[in-house]
Amino acid sequence: MRGIARIAREMGDGDIRLTVWQNLLISGVPEAKTAEVEVAIEAIGLRTRATAIRAGLVTCTGSTGCRFAATDTKEHAEAIAAWTETRVIMDTPINIHITGCRNSCAQHYIGDIGLVGVRVALSDEGDTVEAYHLFAGGAFGPDACIGREIVKNVIPKDVPRVIKQLLRYYLTNREGASETFATFARRTDIALLQAAARIDMD
């Protein structure tokens, strides 16, 4: 944050704004300084460009900062982006909302793909492991809709593969590039979405 503040002060008008998508906007940057600002941002470990998958990721604080969260949403979001964006090229926006508990601070139920963190029992002694229930087809605005639950108890290492399968299924079977993932997921039989979510090992 100090690095962003320095960049905003030295190259912009000193203001930093936050978006609902958890992005930072540095205002007042002259066009002639845009490239210099991008280099400075990259130098402090942040990015100015993102794939459709990474750009649409929204998470809550997760278990690293919230006692209610069952999962480490931030770490898992990074794993989803890093693994999936090299295997699926999206030509349309996609929103993936990851929340660590049923309080749903990241609003998993209105994401194109939504994940809600849970703890899954491993034994009768009470040992548990992180997992997610996955929803698809949520939306907000004029087409507001609650996503349908597709699969349950997906462990974090398998989540990127499940998402990849769903995105590939969408790209292969949609009714043209103008059909959004949410519309596609709502019109597709849930059994077909569940079958598409079965992971492979590539």
Protein backbone atom coordinates (compact mmCIF):
# COMPACT_ATOMS: atom_id res chain seq x y z
CA MET A 1 0.00 0.00 0.00
CA ARG A 2 2.90 2.36 0.66
CA GLY A 3 4.21 1.60 -2.81
CA ILE A 4 0.83 2.36 -4.40
CA ALA A 5 0.57 5.54 -2.32
CA ARG A 6 4.01 6.66 -3.52
CA ILE A 7 3.08 5.99 -7.17
CA ALA A 8 -0.22 7.87 -6.77
CA ARG A 9 1.52 10.82 -5.13
CA GLU A 10 4.44 11.04 -7.57
CA MET A 11 2.71 10.18 -10.86
CA GLY A 12 -1.00 10.84 -10.31
CA ASP A 13 -3.13 13.28 -8.37
CA GLY A 14 -2.52 11.50 -5.05
CA ASP A 15 -5.89 9.72 -4.95
CA ILE A 16 -6.43 5.97 -4.84
CA ARG A 17 -9.92 4.60 -5.40
CA LEU A 18 -11.33 1.15 -4.71
CA THR A 19 -13.74 -0.69 -7.01
CA VAL A 20 -16.39 -3.25 -6.03
CA TRP A 21 -14.24 -5.83 -7.82
CA GLN A 22 -11.41 -5.30 -5.32
CA ASN A 23 -9.24 -3.32 -7.73
CA LEU A 24 -7.29 -0.15 -7.10
CA LEU A 25 -7.57 2.88 -9.38
CA ILE A 26 -4.83 5.50 -9.41
CA SER A 27 -6.43 8.66 -10.73
CA GLY A 28 -4.95 11.71 -12.41
CA VAL A 29 -2.16 9.91 -14.27
CA PRO A 30 -1.23 11.78 -17.46
CA GLU A 31 -1.30 9.62 -20.56
CA ALA A 32 2.41 10.29 -21.10
CA LYS A 33 3.18 8.63 -17.75
CA THR A 34 1.00 5.52 -18.18
CA ALA A 35 3.85 3.21 -19.22
CA GLU A 36 6.03 4.48 -16.37
CA VAL A 37 3.23 3.85 -13.86
CA GLU A 38 2.71 0.32 -15.18
CA VAL A 39 6.43 -0.44 -14.74
CA ALA A 40 6.36 0.98 -11.20
CA ILE A 41 3.31 -1.11 -10.30
CA GLU A 42 4.91 -4.30 -11.65
CA ALA A 43 8.08 -3.45 -9.66
CA ILE A 44 6.16 -3.64 -6.36
CA GLY A 45 4.69 -7.05 -7.26
CA LEU A 46 1.26 -6.05 -8.58
CA ARG A 47 -0.25 -6.32 -12.07
CA THR A 48 -1.95 -3.87 -14.37
CA ARG A 49 -3.34 -6.45 -16.78
CA ALA A 50 -5.31 -9.61 -16.15
CA THR A 51 -6.91 -12.47 -18.03
CA ALA A 52 -10.71 -12.73 -17.98
CA ILE A 53 -10.38 -15.42 -15.32
CA ARG A 54 -8.15 -13.43 -12.99
CA ALA A 55 -10.02 -10.15 -13.57
CA GLY A 56 -13.32 -11.69 -12.44
CA LEU A 57 -12.06 -13.37 -9.26
CA VAL A 58 -13.63 -12.06 -6.05
CA THR A 59 -12.87 -13.45 -2.59
CA CYS A 60 -13.56 -12.69 1.02
CA THR A 61 -10.71 -12.39 3.52
CA GLY A 62 -10.63 -16.13 4.13
CA SER A 63 -9.18 -18.03 7.06
CA THR A 64 -5.99 -15.96 7.17
CA GLY A 65 -7.98 -12.98 8.43
CA CYS A 66 -11.43 -14.16 9.53
CA ARG A 67 -12.31 -16.60 12.31
CA PHE A 68 -15.53 -17.64 10.55
CA ALA A 69 -13.88 -18.76 7.30
CA ALA A 70 -13.36 -22.47 6.73
CA THR A 71 -10.92 -22.02 3.84
CA ASP A 72 -7.95 -19.93 2.71
CA THR A 73 -9.83 -18.17 -0.08
CA LYS A 74 -7.02 -15.84 -1.17
CA GLU A 75 -4.49 -18.63 -1.65
CA HIS A 76 -7.04 -20.79 -3.44
CA ALA A 77 -8.10 -17.92 -5.74
CA GLU A 78 -4.48 -17.45 -6.81
CA ALA A 79 -4.19 -21.19 -7.48
CA ILE A 80 -7.38 -21.13 -9.57
CA ALA A 81 -6.12 -18.21 -11.65
CA ALA A 82 -2.56 -19.47 -12.11
CA TRP A 83 -3.59 -22.98 -13.14
CA THR A 84 -6.77 -22.31 -15.11
CA GLU A 85 -5.76 -19.26 -17.16
CA THR A 86 -2.99 -21.28 -18.86
CA ARG A 87 -5.47 -23.98 -19.92
CA VAL A 88 -8.63 -22.07 -20.85
CA ILE A 89 -8.69 -18.90 -22.95
CA MET A 90 -11.88 -16.99 -22.17
CA ASP A 91 -13.16 -14.57 -24.79
CA THR A 92 -15.89 -13.26 -22.52
CA PRO A 93 -15.97 -12.04 -18.89
CA ILE A 94 -16.36 -14.67 -16.18
CA ASN A 95 -17.00 -13.97 -12.49
CA ILE A 96 -15.74 -16.51 -9.95
CA HIS A 97 -16.74 -15.65 -6.38
CA ILE A 98 -15.01 -17.50 -3.53
CA THR A 99 -16.28 -17.16 0.00
CA GLY A 100 -14.92 -18.88 3.08
CA CYS A 101 -18.20 -19.57 4.91
CA ARG A 102 -21.98 -19.40 4.67
CA ASN A 103 -21.96 -15.71 5.60
CA SER A 104 -20.92 -15.25 1.97
CA CYS A 105 -19.07 -11.94 2.14
CA ALA A 106 -17.90 -12.64 -1.43
CA GLN A 107 -21.48 -13.43 -2.54
CA HIS A 108 -20.80 -16.86 -4.02
CA TYR A 109 -24.47 -17.30 -4.90
CA ILE A 110 -24.42 -14.55 -7.58
CA GLY A 111 -21.16 -15.47 -9.30
CA ASP A 112 -21.08 -17.17 -12.68
CA ILE A 113 -19.23 -19.77 -10.66
CA GLY A 114 -19.48 -19.56 -6.88
CA LEU A 115 -17.54 -21.43 -4.23
CA VAL A 116 -18.42 -21.59 -0.55
CA GLY A 117 -15.87 -22.94 1.90
CA VAL A 118 -16.72 -25.83 4.22
CA ARG A 119 -14.91 -28.25 6.50
CA VAL A 120 -15.31 -31.91 5.58
CA ALA A 121 -14.94 -34.59 8.24
CA LEU A 122 -12.10 -37.06 7.71
CA SER A 123 -12.75 -39.27 10.72
CA ASP A 124 -15.04 -39.85 13.67
CA GLU A 125 -12.42 -38.13 15.85
CA GLY A 126 -13.33 -34.78 14.33
CA ASP A 127 -10.43 -34.29 11.92
CA THR A 128 -11.49 -32.06 9.02
CA VAL A 129 -10.11 -30.76 5.74
CA GLU A 130 -10.86 -27.66 3.67
CA ALA A 131 -13.31 -28.09 0.79
CA TYR A 132 -15.77 -26.14 -1.35
CA HIS A 133 -19.32 -26.52 -2.57
CA LEU A 134 -19.50 -25.20 -6.14
CA PHE A 135 -22.44 -23.29 -7.63
CA ALA A 136 -23.03 -22.15 -11.22
CA GLY A 137 -25.31 -19.69 -12.98
CA GLY A 138 -25.65 -16.90 -10.46
CA ALA A 139 -26.12 -13.33 -11.64
CA PHE A 140 -27.03 -9.84 -10.43
CA GLY A 141 -28.73 -6.82 -11.97
CA PRO A 142 -31.61 -7.24 -14.43
CA ASP A 143 -30.91 -10.99 -14.78
CA ALA A 144 -30.45 -11.60 -11.04
CA CYS A 145 -30.44 -15.27 -10.13
CA ILE A 146 -29.11 -17.55 -7.39
CA GLY A 147 -26.60 -20.11 -8.69
CA ARG A 148 -27.43 -23.81 -8.52
CA GLU A 149 -25.25 -26.17 -6.51
CA ILE A 150 -23.31 -28.38 -8.91
CA VAL A 151 -20.80 -30.31 -6.79
CA LYS A 152 -20.02 -30.60 -3.09
CA ASN A 153 -16.90 -31.16 -1.02
CA VAL A 154 -14.29 -30.39 -3.69
CA ILE A 155 -10.86 -30.18 -2.06
CA PRO A 156 -8.83 -27.08 -2.97
CA LYS A 157 -6.27 -28.84 -5.18
CA ASP A 158 -9.11 -30.12 -7.40
CA VAL A 159 -11.04 -26.85 -7.65
CA PRO A 160 -9.01 -25.41 -10.59
CA ARG A 161 -9.58 -28.60 -12.60
CA VAL A 162 -13.32 -28.58 -11.93
CA ILE A 163 -13.53 -24.93 -13.02
CA LYS A 164 -11.49 -25.68 -16.13
CA GLN A 165 -13.90 -28.49 -17.06
CA LEU A 166 -16.94 -26.24 -16.63
CA LEU A 167 -15.41 -23.41 -18.64
CA ARG A 168 -14.40 -25.73 -21.49
CA TYR A 169 -17.88 -27.25 -21.50
CA TYR A 170 -19.38 -23.77 -21.73
CA LEU A 171 -17.07 -22.66 -24.57
CA THR A 172 -17.83 -25.83 -26.55
CA ASN A 173 -21.61 -25.83 -26.07
CA ARG A 174 -22.73 -22.21 -25.79
CA GLU A 175 -25.04 -20.63 -28.36
CA GLY A 176 -22.42 -18.25 -29.70
CA ALA A 177 -20.01 -15.80 -28.09
CA SER A 178 -22.84 -13.54 -26.92
CA GLU A 179 -24.26 -16.16 -24.55
CA THR A 180 -22.94 -15.52 -21.06
CA PHE A 181 -21.79 -18.29 -18.76
CA ALA A 182 -24.65 -17.53 -16.36
CA THR A 183 -27.28 -17.84 -19.11
CA PHE A 184 -25.67 -21.04 -20.37
CA ALA A 185 -25.51 -22.55 -16.88
CA ARG A 186 -29.15 -21.72 -16.17
CA ARG A 187 -30.46 -23.30 -19.38
CA THR A 188 -28.28 -26.42 -19.13
CA ASP A 189 -29.59 -29.48 -17.31
CA ILE A 190 -27.90 -29.76 -13.94
CA ALA A 191 -26.91 -33.38 -14.61
CA LEU A 192 -24.94 -32.24 -17.66
CA LEU A 193 -23.16 -29.58 -15.62
CA GLN A 194 -22.34 -32.15 -12.96
CA ALA A 195 -20.92 -34.48 -15.60
CA ALA A 196 -18.89 -31.65 -17.10
CA ALA A 197 -17.46 -30.85 -13.67
CA ARG A 198 -15.83 -34.27 -13.37
CA ILE A 199 -12.12 -33.65 -13.41
CA ASP A 200 -9.47 -35.14 -15.65
CA MET A 201 -5.80 -35.32 -14.78
CA ASP A 202 -4.09 -33.07 -17.34
